Amino acid sequence: MDPVMIFASTLGNNGFIWIVIAVVLLFTKRYRECAIVMALALILSFLICNVTLKNLVARDRPFWIDETVILKIEEPHDFSFPSGHTFSSFAAAVTLFLYSRKIGIAALALALTIGFSRLYFFLHFPSDVLASVLLGSLTAGLAVFLFRKLIRPIMKRAGLIAVPAGAADDPPTDGMPEGGEDEPRND
């Protein structure tokens, strides 16, 4: 099981897999907005988790406390709470889920695996990971809200995104994107 967990944990390093997915989606008309919102969610997760909470809480990592633990992956040097890997994974995966349930379910499975890998290697306490699941998910919702209320209107005025014929100016509030041609459909 070690190789699978090493791979999963490595995918989460610096949000790498989520950045790659966002860049790929940026080049698709159907998921372009999702890619922008994912990028926003990842930026917010970095600021909330890595810049603010980790330094504010300053919780020691489990392997710092139990020095008998032999790490099988590179030693992280920042604090334990919250888990940056899990936080960014859920921020990105929940964003994907809000735009496409099919893709989102696969993304959530990957996010869970990444989060579990951090526990598996004794890098985090369970509360670090559970809090990160919750906070990352909330951050995805915040990113969608900010995009729809602040960024999308600016992009429309600047002509950077098209407004489908007959579409209302106000975005829906049900958590799913509008069903216009250049936006993802509910699937």
N, C-alpha and C. Protein backbone atom coordinates (compact mmCIF):
# COMPACT_ATOMS: atom_id res chain seq x y z
N MET A 1 0.82 -1.19 0.00
CA MET A 1 0.00 0.00 0.00
C MET A 1 0.86 1.26 0.00
N ASP A 2 2.10 1.14 0.47
CA ASP A 2 2.99 2.30 0.52
C ASP A 2 3.13 3.02 -0.83
N PRO A 3 3.38 2.30 -1.94
CA PRO A 3 3.54 3.00 -3.22
C PRO A 3 2.31 3.81 -3.62
N VAL A 4 1.12 3.28 -3.37
CA VAL A 4 -0.12 3.99 -3.71
C VAL A 4 -0.23 5.26 -2.87
N MET A 5 0.05 5.16 -1.59
CA MET A 5 -0.05 6.31 -0.70
C MET A 5 1.03 7.36 -1.00
N ILE A 6 2.22 6.89 -1.35
CA ILE A 6 3.29 7.82 -1.74
C ILE A 6 2.85 8.59 -2.98
N PHE A 7 2.31 7.87 -3.97
CA PHE A 7 1.84 8.50 -5.20
C PHE A 7 0.73 9.51 -4.91
N ALA A 8 -0.24 9.12 -4.09
CA ALA A 8 -1.36 10.01 -3.76
C ALA A 8 -0.86 11.26 -3.05
N SER A 9 0.00 11.09 -2.08
CA SER A 9 0.52 12.23 -1.33
C SER A 9 1.31 13.17 -2.23
N THR A 10 2.10 12.58 -3.12
CA THR A 10 2.91 13.37 -4.05
C THR A 10 2.03 14.17 -5.01
N LEU A 11 0.92 13.59 -5.46
CA LEU A 11 0.01 14.31 -6.34
C LEU A 11 -0.51 15.59 -5.67
N GLY A 12 -0.65 15.54 -4.35
CA GLY A 12 -1.17 16.70 -3.63
C GLY A 12 -0.12 17.76 -3.31
N ASN A 13 1.15 17.47 -3.56
CA ASN A 13 2.21 18.44 -3.24
C ASN A 13 1.96 19.76 -3.97
N ASN A 14 1.88 20.84 -3.20
CA ASN A 14 1.67 22.19 -3.74
C ASN A 14 0.43 22.30 -4.61
N GLY A 15 -0.54 21.42 -4.40
CA GLY A 15 -1.76 21.44 -5.21
C GLY A 15 -1.51 21.06 -6.66
N PHE A 16 -0.40 20.38 -6.93
CA PHE A 16 0.05 20.12 -8.29
C PHE A 16 -1.03 19.52 -9.19
N ILE A 17 -1.63 18.43 -8.76
CA ILE A 17 -2.62 17.77 -9.62
C ILE A 17 -3.80 18.67 -9.92
N TRP A 18 -4.20 19.47 -8.95
CA TRP A 18 -5.35 20.37 -9.13
C TRP A 18 -5.02 21.53 -10.05
N ILE A 19 -3.78 22.00 -9.97
CA ILE A 19 -3.34 23.07 -10.89
C ILE A 19 -3.32 22.54 -12.32
N VAL A 20 -2.79 21.32 -12.49
CA VAL A 20 -2.75 20.72 -13.83
C VAL A 20 -4.18 20.56 -14.38
N ILE A 21 -5.09 20.06 -13.56
CA ILE A 21 -6.47 19.89 -14.00
C ILE A 21 -7.09 21.23 -14.37
N ALA A 22 -6.86 22.26 -13.56
CA ALA A 22 -7.41 23.59 -13.85
C ALA A 22 -6.86 24.13 -15.16
N VAL A 23 -5.57 23.95 -15.41
CA VAL A 23 -4.97 24.43 -16.66
C VAL A 23 -5.57 23.70 -17.85
N VAL A 24 -5.73 22.40 -17.75
CA VAL A 24 -6.34 21.62 -18.84
C VAL A 24 -7.77 22.11 -19.09
N LEU A 25 -8.53 22.29 -18.03
CA LEU A 25 -9.93 22.73 -18.17
C LEU A 25 -10.03 24.15 -18.72
N LEU A 26 -9.03 24.96 -18.49
CA LEU A 26 -9.02 26.33 -18.99
C LEU A 26 -9.09 26.36 -20.51
N PHE A 27 -8.59 25.32 -21.16
CA PHE A 27 -8.58 25.26 -22.62
C PHE A 27 -9.85 24.62 -23.20
N THR A 28 -10.81 24.29 -22.35
CA THR A 28 -12.07 23.75 -22.84
C THR A 28 -13.16 24.79 -22.63
N LYS A 29 -13.92 25.04 -23.64
CA LYS A 29 -14.97 26.05 -23.55
C LYS A 29 -15.99 25.68 -22.47
N ARG A 30 -16.33 24.41 -22.40
CA ARG A 30 -17.37 23.97 -21.47
C ARG A 30 -16.97 24.15 -20.01
N TYR A 31 -15.70 23.98 -19.68
CA TYR A 31 -15.26 24.01 -18.28
C TYR A 31 -14.32 25.18 -17.96
N ARG A 32 -14.27 26.17 -18.83
CA ARG A 32 -13.37 27.31 -18.60
C ARG A 32 -13.70 28.04 -17.29
N GLU A 33 -14.98 28.30 -17.07
CA GLU A 33 -15.35 28.98 -15.83
C GLU A 33 -14.97 28.14 -14.62
N CYS A 34 -15.18 26.86 -14.69
CA CYS A 34 -14.80 25.96 -13.60
C CYS A 34 -13.31 26.07 -13.32
N ALA A 35 -12.50 26.13 -14.37
CA ALA A 35 -11.04 26.24 -14.21
C ALA A 35 -10.67 27.53 -13.49
N ILE A 36 -11.33 28.63 -13.85
CA ILE A 36 -11.05 29.91 -13.21
C ILE A 36 -11.45 29.86 -11.73
N VAL A 37 -12.60 29.27 -11.46
CA VAL A 37 -13.06 29.17 -10.07
C VAL A 37 -12.15 28.22 -9.28
N MET A 38 -11.68 27.15 -9.91
CA MET A 38 -10.73 26.25 -9.23
C MET A 38 -9.45 27.00 -8.86
N ALA A 39 -8.95 27.80 -9.79
CA ALA A 39 -7.75 28.58 -9.52
C ALA A 39 -7.99 29.53 -8.34
N LEU A 40 -9.14 30.17 -8.33
CA LEU A 40 -9.50 31.06 -7.23
C LEU A 40 -9.58 30.28 -5.91
N ALA A 41 -10.20 29.10 -5.94
CA ALA A 41 -10.31 28.26 -4.74
C ALA A 41 -8.93 27.85 -4.24
N LEU A 42 -8.02 27.53 -5.15
CA LEU A 42 -6.67 27.13 -4.75
C LEU A 42 -5.89 28.31 -4.16
N ILE A 43 -6.06 29.49 -4.72
CA ILE A 43 -5.40 30.68 -4.17
C ILE A 43 -5.95 30.97 -2.77
N LEU A 44 -7.27 30.92 -2.63
CA LEU A 44 -7.88 31.14 -1.32
C LEU A 44 -7.42 30.10 -0.31
N SER A 45 -7.34 28.83 -0.74
CA SER A 45 -6.92 27.78 0.19
C SER A 45 -5.48 27.99 0.64
N PHE A 46 -4.63 28.43 -0.26
CA PHE A 46 -3.24 28.73 0.11
C PHE A 46 -3.19 29.86 1.15
N LEU A 47 -3.95 30.92 0.89
CA LEU A 47 -3.94 32.06 1.80
C LEU A 47 -4.54 31.72 3.16
N ILE A 48 -5.65 31.00 3.15
CA ILE A 48 -6.32 30.66 4.40
C ILE A 48 -5.54 29.61 5.19
N CYS A 49 -5.12 28.56 4.50
CA CYS A 49 -4.47 27.43 5.17
C CYS A 49 -2.99 27.69 5.44
N ASN A 50 -2.22 27.82 4.37
CA ASN A 50 -0.77 27.85 4.50
C ASN A 50 -0.23 29.16 5.06
N VAL A 51 -0.82 30.28 4.64
CA VAL A 51 -0.31 31.56 5.10
C VAL A 51 -0.86 31.92 6.48
N THR A 52 -2.15 31.63 6.70
CA THR A 52 -2.79 32.09 7.93
C THR A 52 -2.89 31.02 9.02
N LEU A 53 -3.72 30.00 8.79
CA LEU A 53 -4.05 29.05 9.86
C LEU A 53 -2.86 28.24 10.38
N LYS A 54 -2.04 27.74 9.48
CA LYS A 54 -0.89 26.93 9.93
C LYS A 54 -0.01 27.72 10.90
N ASN A 55 0.24 28.97 10.59
CA ASN A 55 1.11 29.80 11.44
C ASN A 55 0.39 30.30 12.68
N LEU A 56 -0.91 30.49 12.57
CA LEU A 56 -1.69 30.95 13.72
C LEU A 56 -1.84 29.85 14.77
N VAL A 57 -2.17 28.63 14.30
CA VAL A 57 -2.37 27.51 15.23
C VAL A 57 -1.03 26.92 15.66
N ALA A 58 -0.10 26.81 14.74
CA ALA A 58 1.27 26.32 15.02
C ALA A 58 1.28 24.97 15.75
N ARG A 59 0.51 24.04 15.24
CA ARG A 59 0.43 22.71 15.85
C ARG A 59 1.56 21.82 15.36
N ASP A 60 2.24 21.17 16.29
CA ASP A 60 3.30 20.23 15.92
C ASP A 60 2.73 19.06 15.13
N ARG A 61 3.55 18.52 14.25
CA ARG A 61 3.15 17.34 13.49
C ARG A 61 3.31 16.09 14.36
N PRO A 62 2.50 15.07 14.09
CA PRO A 62 2.60 13.84 14.90
C PRO A 62 4.00 13.23 14.91
N PHE A 63 4.69 13.24 13.79
CA PHE A 63 6.02 12.62 13.75
C PHE A 63 7.06 13.49 14.47
N TRP A 64 6.75 14.76 14.73
CA TRP A 64 7.64 15.58 15.56
C TRP A 64 7.52 15.16 17.02
N ILE A 65 6.31 14.76 17.40
CA ILE A 65 6.03 14.37 18.79
C ILE A 65 6.55 12.96 19.06
N ASP A 66 6.26 12.04 18.13
CA ASP A 66 6.72 10.66 18.26
C ASP A 66 7.92 10.47 17.33
N GLU A 67 9.10 10.64 17.89
CA GLU A 67 10.32 10.61 17.09
C GLU A 67 10.71 9.21 16.63
N THR A 68 9.95 8.19 17.03
CA THR A 68 10.24 6.83 16.58
C THR A 68 9.69 6.58 15.17
N VAL A 69 8.85 7.48 14.69
CA VAL A 69 8.26 7.33 13.35
C VAL A 69 9.34 7.53 12.29
N ILE A 70 9.40 6.57 11.37
CA ILE A 70 10.33 6.67 10.24
C ILE A 70 9.51 7.08 9.02
N LEU A 71 9.77 8.27 8.51
CA LEU A 71 9.01 8.77 7.36
C LEU A 71 9.43 8.07 6.08
N LYS A 72 8.44 7.80 5.25
CA LYS A 72 8.69 7.15 3.97
C LYS A 72 8.57 8.13 2.82
N ILE A 73 8.27 9.39 3.15
CA ILE A 73 8.21 10.46 2.16
C ILE A 73 8.99 11.64 2.71
N GLU A 74 9.19 12.65 1.86
CA GLU A 74 9.95 13.84 2.27
C GLU A 74 9.28 14.52 3.46
N GLU A 75 10.11 14.92 4.40
CA GLU A 75 9.61 15.55 5.64
C GLU A 75 9.10 16.96 5.38
N PRO A 76 7.83 17.22 5.71
CA PRO A 76 7.34 18.60 5.62
C PRO A 76 7.90 19.42 6.79
N HIS A 77 8.12 20.69 6.56
CA HIS A 77 8.72 21.53 7.59
C HIS A 77 7.77 22.57 8.17
N ASP A 78 6.54 22.61 7.65
CA ASP A 78 5.57 23.55 8.21
C ASP A 78 4.72 22.84 9.26
N PHE A 79 3.79 23.58 9.84
CA PHE A 79 2.98 23.03 10.93
C PHE A 79 1.91 22.07 10.41
N SER A 80 1.26 21.40 11.34
CA SER A 80 0.33 20.31 11.03
C SER A 80 -1.10 20.76 10.72
N PHE A 81 -1.60 21.77 11.44
CA PHE A 81 -3.02 22.13 11.30
C PHE A 81 -3.18 23.42 10.53
N PRO A 82 -4.04 23.38 9.51
CA PRO A 82 -4.72 22.25 8.89
C PRO A 82 -3.82 21.59 7.84
N SER A 83 -4.29 20.50 7.27
CA SER A 83 -3.54 19.79 6.23
C SER A 83 -3.68 20.55 4.91
N GLY A 84 -2.58 21.09 4.43
CA GLY A 84 -2.60 21.83 3.17
C GLY A 84 -2.97 20.96 1.98
N HIS A 85 -2.47 19.73 1.97
CA HIS A 85 -2.81 18.80 0.89
C HIS A 85 -4.32 18.57 0.84
N THR A 86 -4.91 18.31 2.00
CA THR A 86 -6.34 18.00 2.06
C THR A 86 -7.17 19.25 1.80
N PHE A 87 -6.76 20.37 2.35
CA PHE A 87 -7.48 21.63 2.18
C PHE A 87 -7.58 21.97 0.70
N SER A 88 -6.44 22.02 0.01
CA SER A 88 -6.44 22.38 -1.41
C SER A 88 -7.16 21.32 -2.24
N SER A 89 -7.03 20.06 -1.86
CA SER A 89 -7.70 18.99 -2.61
C SER A 89 -9.21 19.14 -2.54
N PHE A 90 -9.73 19.43 -1.36
CA PHE A 90 -11.18 19.58 -1.25
C PHE A 90 -11.67 20.89 -1.83
N ALA A 91 -10.87 21.94 -1.75
CA ALA A 91 -11.26 23.20 -2.39
C ALA A 91 -11.43 22.97 -3.90
N ALA A 92 -10.49 22.26 -4.50
CA ALA A 92 -10.55 22.00 -5.94
C ALA A 92 -11.61 20.96 -6.30
N ALA A 93 -11.66 19.86 -5.55
CA ALA A 93 -12.59 18.78 -5.87
C ALA A 93 -14.04 19.20 -5.70
N VAL A 94 -14.34 19.95 -4.65
CA VAL A 94 -15.72 20.41 -4.46
C VAL A 94 -16.09 21.41 -5.56
N THR A 95 -15.16 22.25 -5.95
CA THR A 95 -15.41 23.15 -7.08
C THR A 95 -15.77 22.34 -8.32
N LEU A 96 -14.98 21.32 -8.61
CA LEU A 96 -15.28 20.46 -9.76
C LEU A 96 -16.66 19.82 -9.62
N PHE A 97 -16.98 19.37 -8.43
CA PHE A 97 -18.29 18.75 -8.19
C PHE A 97 -19.43 19.73 -8.44
N LEU A 98 -19.25 20.98 -8.07
CA LEU A 98 -20.29 21.98 -8.28
C LEU A 98 -20.53 22.27 -9.76
N TYR A 99 -19.53 22.00 -10.58
CA TYR A 99 -19.67 22.23 -12.03
C TYR A 99 -20.01 20.96 -12.80
N SER A 100 -19.62 19.83 -12.31
CA SER A 100 -19.90 18.56 -12.98
C SER A 100 -19.88 17.44 -11.95
N ARG A 101 -21.03 16.87 -11.71
CA ARG A 101 -21.09 15.81 -10.70
C ARG A 101 -20.23 14.61 -11.08
N LYS A 102 -20.23 14.23 -12.36
CA LYS A 102 -19.45 13.06 -12.78
C LYS A 102 -17.95 13.27 -12.54
N ILE A 103 -17.43 14.38 -13.01
CA ILE A 103 -16.01 14.68 -12.80
C ILE A 103 -15.76 14.91 -11.31
N GLY A 104 -16.68 15.58 -10.66
CA GLY A 104 -16.53 15.91 -9.24
C GLY A 104 -16.44 14.70 -8.35
N ILE A 105 -17.20 13.66 -8.64
CA ILE A 105 -17.16 12.45 -7.82
C ILE A 105 -15.77 11.80 -7.90
N ALA A 106 -15.21 11.76 -9.09
CA ALA A 106 -13.85 11.21 -9.25
C ALA A 106 -12.84 12.11 -8.51
N ALA A 107 -13.03 13.41 -8.61
CA ALA A 107 -12.13 14.35 -7.94
C ALA A 107 -12.23 14.20 -6.42
N LEU A 108 -13.44 14.02 -5.92
CA LEU A 108 -13.62 13.83 -4.47
C LEU A 108 -12.96 12.54 -3.99
N ALA A 109 -13.03 11.49 -4.81
CA ALA A 109 -12.37 10.23 -4.46
C ALA A 109 -10.85 10.45 -4.37
N LEU A 110 -10.31 11.20 -5.32
CA LEU A 110 -8.88 11.50 -5.29
C LEU A 110 -8.54 12.36 -4.07
N ALA A 111 -9.37 13.36 -3.79
CA ALA A 111 -9.14 14.22 -2.63
C ALA A 111 -9.15 13.41 -1.33
N LEU A 112 -10.09 12.48 -1.22
CA LEU A 112 -10.13 11.60 -0.03
C LEU A 112 -8.86 10.77 0.09
N THR A 113 -8.40 10.24 -1.03
CA THR A 113 -7.19 9.42 -1.04
C THR A 113 -5.98 10.25 -0.62
N ILE A 114 -5.89 11.47 -1.13
CA ILE A 114 -4.78 12.35 -0.76
C ILE A 114 -4.84 12.65 0.74
N GLY A 115 -6.03 12.98 1.23
CA GLY A 115 -6.19 13.25 2.66
C GLY A 115 -5.81 12.05 3.51
N PHE A 116 -6.27 10.87 3.11
CA PHE A 116 -5.94 9.65 3.86
C PHE A 116 -4.44 9.39 3.84
N SER A 117 -3.78 9.67 2.71
CA SER A 117 -2.34 9.43 2.62
C SER A 117 -1.57 10.25 3.65
N ARG A 118 -2.08 11.42 3.99
CA ARG A 118 -1.42 12.27 4.97
C ARG A 118 -1.53 11.67 6.39
N LEU A 119 -2.64 10.98 6.64
CA LEU A 119 -2.79 10.27 7.91
C LEU A 119 -1.94 9.00 7.92
N TYR A 120 -1.95 8.31 6.79
CA TYR A 120 -1.22 7.05 6.64
C TYR A 120 0.26 7.21 7.00
N PHE A 121 0.83 8.34 6.58
CA PHE A 121 2.26 8.57 6.83
C PHE A 121 2.54 9.32 8.13
N PHE A 122 1.50 9.49 8.95
CA PHE A 122 1.66 10.10 10.27
C PHE A 122 2.14 11.54 10.17
N LEU A 123 1.68 12.24 9.12
CA LEU A 123 2.05 13.63 8.91
C LEU A 123 1.06 14.58 9.57
N HIS A 124 -0.17 14.07 9.82
CA HIS A 124 -1.24 14.89 10.39
C HIS A 124 -2.03 14.08 11.41
N PHE A 125 -2.68 14.81 12.29
CA PHE A 125 -3.66 14.22 13.19
C PHE A 125 -4.99 14.13 12.44
N PRO A 126 -5.87 13.21 12.81
CA PRO A 126 -7.18 13.12 12.13
C PRO A 126 -7.94 14.46 12.13
N SER A 127 -7.84 15.23 13.21
CA SER A 127 -8.55 16.51 13.25
C SER A 127 -7.99 17.50 12.23
N ASP A 128 -6.71 17.39 11.90
CA ASP A 128 -6.12 18.25 10.86
C ASP A 128 -6.79 17.99 9.52
N VAL A 129 -6.95 16.72 9.21
CA VAL A 129 -7.51 16.32 7.93
C VAL A 129 -9.02 16.59 7.87
N LEU A 130 -9.73 16.24 8.96
CA LEU A 130 -11.18 16.49 8.98
C LEU A 130 -11.49 17.97 8.88
N ALA A 131 -10.77 18.80 9.60
CA ALA A 131 -10.97 20.25 9.52
C ALA A 131 -10.68 20.75 8.10
N SER A 132 -9.68 20.17 7.46
CA SER A 132 -9.31 20.58 6.11
C SER A 132 -10.38 20.18 5.09
N VAL A 133 -11.02 19.04 5.30
CA VAL A 133 -12.13 18.63 4.43
C VAL A 133 -13.22 19.69 4.50
N LEU A 134 -13.59 20.06 5.71
CA LEU A 134 -14.65 21.05 5.91
C LEU A 134 -14.24 22.42 5.39
N LEU A 135 -13.08 22.90 5.78
CA LEU A 135 -12.63 24.23 5.38
C LEU A 135 -12.36 24.33 3.87
N GLY A 136 -11.79 23.28 3.30
CA GLY A 136 -11.57 23.26 1.85
C GLY A 136 -12.89 23.29 1.08
N SER A 137 -13.87 22.55 1.57
CA SER A 137 -15.20 22.52 0.94
C SER A 137 -15.86 23.89 1.02
N LEU A 138 -15.77 24.53 2.18
CA LEU A 138 -16.33 25.87 2.34
C LEU A 138 -15.61 26.88 1.45
N THR A 139 -14.32 26.70 1.29
CA THR A 139 -13.54 27.59 0.43
C THR A 139 -13.98 27.46 -1.02
N ALA A 140 -14.33 26.26 -1.45
CA ALA A 140 -14.86 26.07 -2.81
C ALA A 140 -16.15 26.87 -2.98
N GLY A 141 -17.03 26.79 -2.00
CA GLY A 141 -18.27 27.56 -2.05
C GLY A 141 -18.00 29.05 -2.07
N LEU A 142 -17.03 29.50 -1.29
CA LEU A 142 -16.67 30.91 -1.28
C LEU A 142 -16.12 31.34 -2.64
N ALA A 143 -15.32 30.50 -3.26
CA ALA A 143 -14.75 30.82 -4.57
C ALA A 143 -15.85 30.95 -5.62
N VAL A 144 -16.83 30.04 -5.59
CA VAL A 144 -17.95 30.12 -6.54
C VAL A 144 -18.72 31.42 -6.30
N PHE A 145 -19.00 31.72 -5.04
CA PHE A 145 -19.74 32.94 -4.70
C PHE A 145 -18.99 34.19 -5.18
N LEU A 146 -17.70 34.28 -4.86
CA LEU A 146 -16.91 35.43 -5.26
C LEU A 146 -16.83 35.58 -6.77
N PHE A 147 -16.68 34.46 -7.46
CA PHE A 147 -16.62 34.52 -8.91
C PHE A 147 -17.93 35.06 -9.48
N ARG A 148 -19.03 34.52 -9.02
CA ARG A 148 -20.33 34.91 -9.57
C ARG A 148 -20.72 36.34 -9.22
N LYS A 149 -20.39 36.78 -8.03
CA LYS A 149 -20.79 38.12 -7.60
C LYS A 149 -19.81 39.21 -8.00
N LEU A 150 -18.52 38.89 -8.10
CA LEU A 150 -17.52 39.91 -8.36
C LEU A 150 -16.80 39.77 -9.71
N ILE A 151 -16.31 38.59 -9.98
CA ILE A 151 -15.44 38.42 -11.14
C ILE A 151 -16.22 38.27 -12.44
N ARG A 152 -17.25 37.43 -12.45
CA ARG A 152 -18.02 37.21 -13.68
C ARG A 152 -18.60 38.52 -14.22
N PRO A 153 -19.21 39.38 -13.39
CA PRO A 153 -19.73 40.65 -13.95
C PRO A 153 -18.64 41.52 -14.58
N ILE A 154 -17.47 41.55 -13.98
CA ILE A 154 -16.36 42.33 -14.54
C ILE A 154 -15.93 41.74 -15.88
N MET A 155 -15.84 40.41 -15.94
CA MET A 155 -15.45 39.74 -17.18
C MET A 155 -16.48 39.96 -18.28
N LYS A 156 -17.77 39.96 -17.91
CA LYS A 156 -18.83 40.22 -18.90
C LYS A 156 -18.71 41.64 -19.45
N ARG A 157 -18.53 42.61 -18.55
CA ARG A 157 -18.42 44.01 -18.99
C ARG A 157 -17.20 44.22 -19.87
N ALA A 158 -16.13 43.50 -19.58
CA ALA A 158 -14.90 43.63 -20.36
C ALA A 158 -14.97 42.83 -21.66
N GLY A 159 -16.05 42.06 -21.84
CA GLY A 159 -16.19 41.25 -23.05
C GLY A 159 -15.34 40.00 -23.06
N LEU A 160 -14.87 39.59 -21.89
CA LEU A 160 -14.01 38.40 -21.81
C LEU A 160 -14.80 37.10 -21.81
N ILE A 161 -16.07 37.17 -21.43
CA ILE A 161 -16.94 36.00 -21.52
C ILE A 161 -18.25 36.44 -22.17
N ALA A 162 -18.80 35.55 -22.96
CA ALA A 162 -20.03 35.85 -23.67
C ALA A 162 -21.23 35.62 -22.76
N VAL A 163 -22.25 36.40 -22.99
CA VAL A 163 -23.51 36.21 -22.27
C VAL A 163 -24.45 35.51 -23.24
N PRO A 164 -24.86 34.26 -22.96
CA PRO A 164 -25.76 33.54 -23.86
C PRO A 164 -27.06 34.32 -24.08
N ALA A 165 -27.57 34.27 -25.29
CA ALA A 165 -28.82 34.97 -25.62
C ALA A 165 -29.92 34.53 -24.68
N GLY A 166 -30.62 35.50 -24.11
CA GLY A 166 -31.74 35.21 -23.22
C GLY A 166 -31.34 34.86 -21.81
N ALA A 167 -30.02 34.88 -21.50
CA ALA A 167 -29.58 34.53 -20.15
C ALA A 167 -29.77 35.72 -19.22
N ALA A 168 -30.16 35.45 -18.01
CA ALA A 168 -30.33 36.49 -17.01
C ALA A 168 -28.96 36.97 -16.55
N ASP A 169 -28.87 38.23 -16.13
CA ASP A 169 -27.61 38.76 -15.63
C ASP A 169 -27.22 38.15 -14.30
N ASP A 170 -28.21 37.83 -13.48
CA ASP A 170 -27.92 37.26 -12.17
C ASP A 170 -27.71 35.76 -12.29
N PRO A 171 -26.60 35.26 -11.77
CA PRO A 171 -26.36 33.81 -11.83
C PRO A 171 -27.32 33.07 -10.91
N PRO A 172 -27.56 31.79 -11.19
CA PRO A 172 -28.43 31.02 -10.32
C PRO A 172 -27.82 30.89 -8.93
N THR A 173 -28.64 30.62 -7.95
CA THR A 173 -28.14 30.51 -6.58
C THR A 173 -28.24 29.08 -6.06
N ASP A 174 -28.45 28.12 -6.95
CA ASP A 174 -28.63 26.74 -6.51
C ASP A 174 -27.33 25.96 -6.43
N GLY A 175 -26.19 26.64 -6.62
CA GLY A 175 -24.91 25.95 -6.52
C GLY A 175 -24.44 25.34 -7.81
N MET A 176 -25.25 25.36 -8.85
CA MET A 176 -24.87 24.81 -10.14
C MET A 176 -24.79 25.93 -11.16
N PRO A 177 -23.89 25.84 -12.12
CA PRO A 177 -23.78 26.86 -13.15
C PRO A 177 -25.03 26.90 -14.01
N GLU A 178 -25.15 28.01 -14.74
CA GLU A 178 -26.26 28.13 -15.68
C GLU A 178 -26.09 27.10 -16.79
N GLY A 179 -27.17 26.78 -17.49
CA GLY A 179 -27.11 25.75 -18.53
C GLY A 179 -26.87 26.32 -19.92
N GLY A 180 -26.21 27.47 -20.05
CA GLY A 180 -25.92 28.06 -21.35
C GLY A 180 -24.97 27.21 -22.13
N GLU A 181 -24.80 27.54 -23.42
CA GLU A 181 -23.96 26.73 -24.29
C GLU A 181 -22.51 26.71 -23.87
N ASP A 182 -21.99 27.86 -23.41
CA ASP A 182 -20.58 27.87 -23.05
C ASP A 182 -20.35 27.62 -21.58
N GLU A 183 -21.32 27.02 -20.91
CA GLU A 183 -21.14 26.65 -19.51
C GLU A 183 -21.48 25.19 -19.33
N PRO A 184 -20.93 24.57 -18.32
CA PRO A 184 -21.20 23.14 -18.10
C PRO A 184 -22.66 22.88 -17.81
N ARG A 185 -23.11 21.75 -18.27
CA ARG A 185 -24.49 21.33 -18.01
C ARG A 185 -24.52 20.55 -16.71
N ASN A 186 -25.68 20.48 -16.10
CA ASN A 186 -25.84 19.62 -14.93
C ASN A 186 -25.83 18.17 -15.43
N ASP A 187 -24.89 17.38 -14.93
CA ASP A 187 -24.88 15.98 -15.39
C ASP A 187 -24.91 15.00 -14.27
